[in-house]
Amino acid sequence: RLKESSYYTHLRHLHPKYAVLLSTIHMMTQGVSGGDILRMANNIIKLRQMTVLLQQMNALHHIPAGMEKIQVLTLSMDDFIVHPEENAK
C-alpha cells in the first residue's frame, strides 16, 4: 500500500523523529533542487579561505589590481525572488 504512496505519505507514517531526520537528509542530498544546505556551508568555507588568502597576499604586497578586498552580499530568498508565490508553481 505504501509502495505507491507519495513521499509526504511515507513521512506521515514514520515516527516524528525519523520523519524529520529523513526529510533533512532528503533536503541535503536531493539532486538539482536540493543540497542547498551543503552548498551554503561550502560557500562559507571557501569565502573564509579567500579572505585569508587576500590577507596573506596583502601582507606580502602581492595583490593584483582590483583584488584588494572581497565583498560578500547576502540576500534573503524573499529579496532575491520578487514574486515567490509565482515561482512556487
Protein backbone atom coordinates (compact mmCIF):
# COMPACT_ATOMS: atom_id res chain seq x y z
CA ARG A 1 0.00 0.00 0.00
CA LEU A 2 2.79 2.47 0.86
CA LYS A 3 4.72 1.32 -2.19
CA GLU A 4 2.66 3.60 -4.45
CA SER A 5 2.29 6.37 -1.86
CA SER A 6 3.83 9.81 -2.05
CA TYR A 7 6.92 10.92 -0.17
CA TYR A 8 4.72 13.01 2.14
CA THR A 9 2.54 9.99 2.97
CA HIS A 10 5.63 7.99 3.83
CA LEU A 11 6.79 10.75 6.16
CA ARG A 12 3.44 10.80 7.92
CA HIS A 13 3.71 7.08 8.68
CA LEU A 14 7.10 7.45 10.34
CA HIS A 15 7.79 8.34 13.96
CA PRO A 16 8.17 12.17 14.04
CA LYS A 17 11.87 11.93 14.98
CA TYR A 18 12.62 9.72 11.98
CA ALA A 19 10.41 11.76 9.66
CA VAL A 20 12.41 14.90 10.47
CA LEU A 21 15.67 13.01 10.05
CA LEU A 22 14.63 11.59 6.67
CA SER A 23 13.30 14.95 5.48
CA THR A 24 16.54 16.71 6.48
CA ILE A 25 18.69 14.13 4.71
CA HIS A 26 16.46 14.40 1.66
CA MET A 27 16.85 18.20 1.56
CA MET A 28 20.62 17.94 1.97
CA THR A 29 21.23 15.36 -0.73
CA GLN A 30 18.44 15.83 -3.27
CA GLY A 31 19.76 16.28 -6.82
CA VAL A 32 19.37 19.52 -8.74
CA SER A 33 16.77 21.13 -6.49
CA GLY A 34 18.37 20.10 -3.20
CA GLY A 35 21.69 20.10 -1.46
CA ASP A 36 21.48 23.81 -0.65
CA ILE A 37 22.41 23.27 2.99
CA LEU A 38 25.66 21.58 1.98
CA ARG A 39 26.43 24.15 -0.72
CA MET A 40 25.88 27.03 1.72
CA ALA A 41 28.37 25.54 4.18
CA ASN A 42 30.90 25.00 1.39
CA ASN A 43 30.45 28.60 0.21
CA ILE A 44 31.14 29.90 3.72
CA ILE A 45 34.32 27.83 3.93
CA LYS A 46 35.54 28.99 0.50
CA LEU A 47 34.82 32.66 1.28
CA ARG A 48 36.80 32.38 4.52
CA GLN A 49 39.68 30.75 2.65
CA MET A 50 39.61 33.57 0.11
CA THR A 51 39.65 36.18 2.87
CA VAL A 52 42.70 34.55 4.48
CA LEU A 53 44.46 34.32 1.10
CA LEU A 54 43.84 38.01 0.41
CA GLN A 55 45.17 38.94 3.85
CA GLN A 56 48.32 36.91 3.22
CA MET A 57 48.79 38.45 -0.22
CA ASN A 58 48.21 41.91 1.23
CA ALA A 59 50.89 41.29 3.85
CA LEU A 60 53.33 40.37 1.08
CA HIS A 61 52.13 43.22 -1.19
CA HIS A 62 51.30 40.75 -3.97
CA ILE A 63 47.69 41.66 -4.62
CA PRO A 64 46.72 42.15 -8.27
CA ALA A 65 44.92 45.38 -9.11
CA GLY A 66 41.23 45.20 -8.30
CA MET A 67 41.59 42.35 -5.81
CA GLU A 68 42.37 44.38 -2.72
CA LYS A 69 39.30 43.09 -0.92
CA ILE A 70 36.38 40.76 -1.37
CA GLN A 71 32.82 41.80 -0.69
CA VAL A 72 30.12 39.29 0.20
CA LEU A 73 26.49 40.14 -0.44
CA THR A 74 23.89 38.06 1.36
CA LEU A 75 20.29 38.10 0.16
CA SER A 76 17.25 36.51 1.69
CA MET A 77 15.15 34.44 -0.68
CA ASP A 78 12.34 36.98 -0.26
CA ASP A 79 14.65 39.71 -1.58
CA PHE A 80 16.07 37.51 -4.32
CA ILE A 81 12.77 36.21 -5.67
CA VAL A 82 10.48 39.13 -6.47
CA HIS A 83 7.27 37.11 -6.59
CA PRO A 84 7.84 33.86 -4.62
CA GLU A 85 4.21 32.78 -4.98
CA GLU A 86 4.61 32.70 -8.78
CA ASN A 87 7.87 30.76 -8.62
CA ALA A 88 6.31 28.07 -6.41
CA LYS A 89 4.03 26.87 -9.24
